[in-house]
């Protein structure tokens, strides 16, 4: 039976799992089972011989038309803003950055810190007010990126200082209103809980000229106490500068990935030893003819 004749029922939503951390790491480790399941479902759009990268690209194309979920919108932010306005030489992007009881979807650190909270049509707005309140206490600017479905409600919930961007049909991010610089004092408790140990030690040393000579269990509290004495006008830019330096993007690796995997390359933790293997595995080709008899098998790899 040919590939076309044995398509499995696989929704775009289910196929989108190919972009998960597990999906990417599976490919890095040479496990192509799910990739080939997606290829089997979307076979009409693939050539008789296709690469692993082709499957990702086709799945991404389908997301654009029918399932713009969080990963897809993060990728648009990375493409249009990180690379479109800035570059990986001058800015960095953080995804799922811990802020109090929330996680900021995307944060770009350039000269200032700018947060982008995503509310796709599949997301609830129940926690938006709380999220934005926390973000304004740590980031210089805060935006909500949403679609037409939520736009009216977001405009009512978001404070005037919060910017709003609408994602349109052609993936254009249209400013509905600009983000203003936050006037909130920096919340040191939220800040400390968001930082890694090396980051808050660097912050304290830069702003206070010392690192507490304390035990590992006590140094956190002492650093927090010292940072509470620093004015927000100094704390905000230092936070941005130190985290930007600490969490640099692996530019060489990300630039080698296809467009559809831009944000995956930035966000997901792939061991250094596996990055080169992932790039190689994306170029592996499969044939539909071989898949007819040995579906989901490495035996269908073409030379």
Protein backbone atom coordinates (compact mmCIF):
# COMPACT_ATOMS: atom_id res chain seq x y z
CA UNK A 1 0.00 0.00 0.00
CA UNK A 2 1.40 3.42 -0.88
CA UNK A 3 1.97 6.20 1.59
CA UNK A 4 -0.90 8.20 0.14
CA UNK A 5 -3.27 5.32 0.54
CA UNK A 6 -2.50 4.71 4.18
CA UNK A 7 -2.65 8.21 5.61
CA UNK A 8 -3.42 8.24 9.30
CA UNK A 9 -5.87 10.68 10.79
CA UNK A 10 -3.61 13.24 12.45
CA UNK A 11 -4.86 16.74 13.18
CA UNK A 12 -2.61 19.76 12.79
CA UNK A 13 -2.91 20.23 16.55
CA UNK A 14 -1.56 16.73 17.16
CA UNK A 15 1.14 17.13 14.51
CA UNK A 16 2.26 20.37 16.21
CA UNK A 17 3.82 18.21 18.96
CA UNK A 18 6.70 17.79 16.53
CA UNK A 19 7.81 21.26 17.70
CA UNK A 20 7.89 20.32 21.39
CA UNK A 21 11.12 19.92 23.33
CA UNK A 22 10.60 16.16 23.22
CA UNK A 23 10.00 16.25 19.46
CA UNK A 24 13.24 18.14 18.84
CA UNK A 25 15.32 16.02 21.20
CA UNK A 26 13.93 12.82 19.66
CA UNK A 27 15.24 13.93 16.26
CA UNK A 28 18.58 14.88 17.83
CA UNK A 29 18.83 11.31 19.15
CA UNK A 30 17.87 9.75 15.82
CA UNK A 31 14.32 8.80 16.77
CA UNK A 32 12.18 9.64 13.71
CA UNK A 33 9.01 7.76 14.65
CA UNK A 34 6.84 10.83 15.19
CA UNK A 35 8.38 12.75 12.28
CA UNK A 36 7.45 9.90 9.96
CA UNK A 37 3.99 9.66 11.45
CA UNK A 38 3.51 13.34 10.55
CA UNK A 39 5.00 12.71 7.10
CA UNK A 40 2.57 9.86 6.61
CA UNK A 41 -0.36 12.14 7.47
CA UNK A 42 0.82 15.04 5.31
CA UNK A 43 2.24 12.91 2.50
CA UNK A 44 0.39 14.66 -0.33
CA UNK A 45 2.43 17.81 0.26
CA UNK A 46 5.81 16.06 0.36
CA UNK A 47 7.91 14.86 -2.55
CA UNK A 48 8.68 11.21 -3.31
CA UNK A 49 11.93 11.78 -1.43
CA UNK A 50 11.79 14.21 1.49
CA UNK A 51 14.00 15.30 4.37
CA UNK A 52 13.22 15.54 8.07
CA UNK A 53 13.47 19.30 7.65
CA UNK A 54 10.82 19.16 4.91
CA UNK A 55 8.40 17.58 7.39
CA UNK A 56 8.97 20.36 9.92
CA UNK A 57 8.52 23.02 7.27
CA UNK A 58 5.30 21.50 5.95
CA UNK A 59 3.88 21.16 9.45
CA UNK A 60 4.80 24.79 10.17
CA UNK A 61 3.04 25.88 6.97
CA UNK A 62 -0.11 24.17 8.17
CA UNK A 63 0.10 25.88 11.56
CA UNK A 64 -0.06 29.22 9.74
CA UNK A 65 -3.38 28.37 8.16
CA UNK A 66 -5.13 26.50 10.94
CA UNK A 67 -3.39 26.41 14.33
CA UNK A 68 -1.46 29.49 15.45
CA UNK A 69 -0.72 28.28 18.95
CA UNK A 70 1.89 29.58 21.41
CA UNK A 71 4.96 28.06 19.76
CA UNK A 72 4.03 29.51 16.39
CA UNK A 73 3.52 33.00 17.81
CA UNK A 74 6.79 32.80 19.74
CA UNK A 75 8.50 31.98 16.47
CA UNK A 76 6.90 35.03 14.83
CA UNK A 77 8.16 37.24 17.68
CA UNK A 78 11.67 35.82 17.28
CA UNK A 79 11.59 36.31 13.52
CA UNK A 80 9.88 39.70 13.28
CA UNK A 81 11.27 41.42 16.38
CA UNK A 82 14.49 39.72 17.53
CA UNK A 83 15.84 39.32 14.00
CA UNK A 84 13.70 41.91 12.21
CA UNK A 85 14.43 44.86 14.49
CA UNK A 86 17.57 43.77 16.29
CA UNK A 87 19.96 40.86 15.82
CA UNK A 88 21.43 38.03 17.86
CA UNK A 89 24.62 40.11 18.10
CA UNK A 90 22.94 42.90 20.04
CA UNK A 91 19.98 41.26 21.76
CA UNK A 92 18.92 38.02 23.36
CA UNK A 93 15.55 36.33 23.72
CA UNK A 94 14.30 34.43 26.77
CA UNK A 95 11.27 32.19 26.65
CA UNK A 96 9.25 31.00 29.65
CA UNK A 97 11.11 33.36 31.99
CA UNK A 98 9.97 32.88 35.59
CA UNK A 99 8.32 35.98 37.08
CA UNK A 100 6.68 35.42 40.45
CA UNK A 101 3.90 32.85 39.98
CA UNK A 102 3.94 33.30 36.19
CA UNK A 103 6.22 32.66 33.24
CA UNK A 104 6.70 35.39 30.66
CA UNK A 105 6.30 33.84 27.21
CA UNK A 106 9.00 35.86 25.44
CA UNK A 107 11.39 38.51 26.72
CA UNK A 108 13.82 40.42 24.52
CA UNK A 109 16.81 42.06 26.19
CA UNK A 110 18.46 44.77 24.19
CA UNK A 111 19.13 48.17 25.76
CA UNK A 112 15.98 47.57 27.81
CA UNK A 113 13.92 44.54 28.83
CA UNK A 114 10.70 44.04 26.86
CA UNK A 115 8.17 41.34 27.67
CA UNK A 116 5.73 39.79 25.16
CA UNK A 117 2.88 37.87 26.76
CA UNK A 118 1.07 35.69 24.21
CA UNK A 119 -2.67 35.18 24.28
CA UNK A 120 -3.64 33.11 21.27
CA UNK A 121 -7.27 32.31 20.54
CA UNK A 122 -6.69 29.00 22.36
CA UNK A 123 -5.58 30.69 25.61
CA UNK A 124 -7.63 31.82 28.57
CA UNK A 125 -7.42 35.42 29.78
CA UNK A 126 -8.25 34.51 33.38
CA UNK A 127 -4.73 35.17 34.71
CA UNK A 128 -3.78 38.02 32.41
CA UNK A 129 -4.34 40.82 34.93
CA UNK A 130 -2.13 39.08 37.54
CA UNK A 131 0.54 38.28 34.95
CA UNK A 132 0.79 41.84 33.69
CA UNK A 133 0.95 43.21 37.23
CA UNK A 134 3.99 41.00 37.95
CA UNK A 135 5.71 41.76 34.65
CA UNK A 136 5.50 45.52 35.13
CA UNK A 137 7.44 45.12 38.39
CA UNK A 138 10.49 43.67 36.65
CA UNK A 139 10.48 44.51 32.90
CA UNK A 140 10.91 47.95 31.36
CA UNK A 141 8.14 47.43 28.81
CA UNK A 142 5.31 44.90 28.65
CA UNK A 143 3.22 43.90 25.61
CA UNK A 144 0.38 41.49 24.99
CA UNK A 145 0.45 39.72 21.62
CA UNK A 146 -3.00 38.51 20.69
CA UNK A 147 -5.37 37.80 17.83
CA UNK A 148 -8.63 39.46 16.81
CA UNK A 149 -10.60 36.95 18.91
CA UNK A 150 -9.24 38.32 22.22
CA UNK A 151 -8.41 41.89 21.23
CA UNK A 152 -11.41 43.64 22.79
CA UNK A 153 -11.05 41.84 26.12
CA UNK A 154 -7.29 42.41 26.25
CA UNK A 155 -7.80 46.14 25.71
CA UNK A 156 -10.09 46.22 28.75
CA UNK A 157 -7.84 44.13 31.01
CA UNK A 158 -4.40 45.53 30.19
CA UNK A 159 -3.27 48.72 32.00
CA UNK A 160 -2.65 51.74 29.77
CA UNK A 161 1.12 51.30 30.09
CA UNK A 162 0.93 47.82 28.52
CA UNK A 163 1.32 47.66 24.75
CA UNK A 164 -0.92 45.53 22.55
CA UNK A 165 0.11 43.84 19.30
CA UNK A 166 -2.40 42.07 17.05
CA UNK A 167 -1.23 39.10 15.02
CA UNK A 168 -2.96 39.25 11.65
CA UNK A 169 -3.65 36.68 8.96
CA UNK A 170 -0.34 37.27 7.18
CA UNK A 171 1.65 37.10 10.43
CA UNK A 172 1.93 40.88 10.59
CA UNK A 173 2.25 42.23 14.13
CA UNK A 174 0.15 45.39 14.12
CA UNK A 175 0.63 47.80 17.05
CA UNK A 176 -2.75 48.62 18.60
CA UNK A 177 -1.18 50.76 21.29
CA UNK A 178 2.45 51.30 22.33
CA UNK A 179 4.08 49.97 25.48
CA UNK A 180 5.23 52.68 27.88
CA UNK A 181 8.23 52.46 30.17
CA UNK A 182 7.10 50.95 33.45
CA UNK A 183 6.94 53.37 36.36
CA UNK A 184 6.67 50.54 38.88
CA UNK A 185 9.51 50.18 41.39
CA UNK A 186 11.56 47.05 40.77
CA UNK A 187 10.25 44.20 42.94
CA UNK A 188 13.41 42.68 44.38
CA UNK A 189 11.63 39.57 45.67
CA UNK A 190 10.35 38.78 42.17
CA UNK A 191 13.73 39.68 40.66
CA UNK A 192 15.74 37.40 42.94
CA UNK A 193 13.41 34.45 42.33
CA UNK A 194 13.82 34.97 38.57
CA UNK A 195 17.62 34.96 38.52
CA UNK A 196 20.22 32.24 38.58
CA UNK A 197 22.77 32.29 41.39
CA UNK A 198 25.59 33.62 39.23
CA UNK A 199 23.29 36.38 37.96
CA UNK A 200 22.20 37.77 41.31
CA UNK A 201 25.78 37.57 42.61
CA UNK A 202 26.97 39.56 39.60
CA UNK A 203 24.16 42.05 40.11
CA UNK A 204 25.03 42.58 43.77
CA UNK A 205 28.73 42.93 43.02
CA UNK A 206 28.14 45.49 40.26
CA UNK A 207 25.66 47.61 42.19
CA UNK A 208 26.87 47.20 45.76
CA UNK A 209 30.57 46.56 45.26
CA UNK A 210 30.62 43.40 47.35
CA UNK A 211 29.44 39.83 47.57
CA UNK A 212 28.26 38.75 51.02
CA UNK A 213 30.68 36.46 52.83
CA UNK A 214 27.95 34.13 53.94
CA UNK A 215 27.02 30.48 53.80
CA UNK A 216 25.27 29.17 50.70
CA UNK A 217 21.98 29.10 52.58
CA UNK A 218 22.30 32.69 53.77
CA UNK A 219 23.78 34.39 50.74
CA UNK A 220 20.44 34.55 48.90
CA UNK A 221 18.78 36.51 51.69
CA UNK A 222 21.78 38.82 52.08
CA UNK A 223 21.86 39.56 48.37
CA UNK A 224 18.15 40.32 48.43
CA UNK A 225 18.65 42.70 51.36
CA UNK A 226 21.46 44.53 49.57
CA UNK A 227 19.49 44.89 46.33
CA UNK A 228 16.59 46.45 48.24
CA UNK A 229 18.86 49.41 48.93
CA UNK A 230 19.43 50.06 45.20
CA UNK A 231 17.22 52.49 43.30
CA UNK A 232 15.11 51.01 40.50
CA UNK A 233 16.69 53.41 38.00
CA UNK A 234 19.97 51.56 38.51
CA UNK A 235 18.56 48.10 39.16
CA UNK A 236 16.51 47.80 35.96
CA UNK A 237 19.33 48.43 33.44
CA UNK A 238 21.80 46.32 35.43
CA UNK A 239 19.34 43.40 35.45
CA UNK A 240 18.91 43.69 31.68
CA UNK A 241 22.65 43.93 31.03
CA UNK A 242 23.69 41.02 33.24
CA UNK A 243 21.00 38.58 32.10
CA UNK A 244 21.60 39.50 28.46
CA UNK A 245 25.27 38.58 28.92
CA UNK A 246 24.55 35.47 30.97
CA UNK A 247 21.95 33.97 28.62
CA UNK A 248 23.41 34.57 25.19
CA UNK A 249 21.90 32.77 22.23
CA UNK A 250 24.02 30.13 20.52
CA UNK A 251 23.98 32.13 17.31
CA UNK A 252 25.97 29.67 15.19
CA UNK A 253 23.61 26.84 16.02
CA UNK A 254 20.38 28.83 15.66
CA UNK A 255 21.40 30.27 12.29
CA UNK A 256 21.78 26.73 10.91
CA UNK A 257 18.22 25.74 11.82
CA UNK A 258 15.26 26.14 9.44
CA UNK A 259 12.93 29.07 10.00
CA UNK A 260 10.31 26.87 11.62
CA UNK A 261 12.76 25.89 14.39
CA UNK A 262 14.07 29.35 15.23
CA UNK A 263 12.48 29.59 18.66
CA UNK A 264 13.13 25.89 19.38
CA UNK A 265 16.85 26.53 18.88
CA UNK A 266 16.70 29.44 21.31
CA UNK A 267 14.44 27.96 23.96
CA UNK A 268 15.02 24.23 24.21
CA UNK A 269 17.90 22.72 26.08
CA UNK A 270 19.75 20.47 23.69
CA UNK A 271 23.12 19.21 24.97
CA UNK A 272 26.03 20.69 23.04
CA UNK A 273 27.05 17.25 21.81
CA UNK A 274 23.58 16.72 20.32
CA UNK A 275 23.25 20.05 18.50
CA UNK A 276 25.50 19.02 15.61
CA UNK A 277 23.68 15.69 15.43
CA UNK A 278 20.31 17.45 15.26
CA UNK A 279 21.50 19.60 12.34
CA UNK A 280 22.74 16.47 10.54
CA UNK A 281 19.55 14.53 11.24
CA UNK A 282 17.37 17.32 9.80
CA UNK A 283 19.07 16.67 6.45
CA UNK A 284 18.35 12.93 6.43
CA UNK A 285 16.07 11.93 3.56
CA UNK A 286 13.35 9.31 3.41
CA UNK A 287 11.51 7.88 0.43
CA UNK A 288 7.78 7.34 0.26
CA UNK A 289 8.33 4.09 -1.60
CA UNK A 290 10.39 2.63 1.25
CA UNK A 291 7.91 3.90 3.81
CA UNK A 292 5.20 1.87 2.09
CA UNK A 293 6.77 -1.34 3.31
CA UNK A 294 8.68 -0.22 6.37
CA UNK A 295 6.83 2.71 7.93
CA UNK A 296 8.58 4.65 10.71
CA UNK A 297 11.81 2.70 10.21
CA UNK A 298 15.37 3.87 9.75
CA UNK A 299 15.46 1.39 6.83
CA UNK A 300 13.52 3.94 4.78
CA UNK A 301 16.41 6.42 4.94
CA UNK A 302 17.83 7.17 1.50
CA UNK A 303 21.52 7.47 0.81
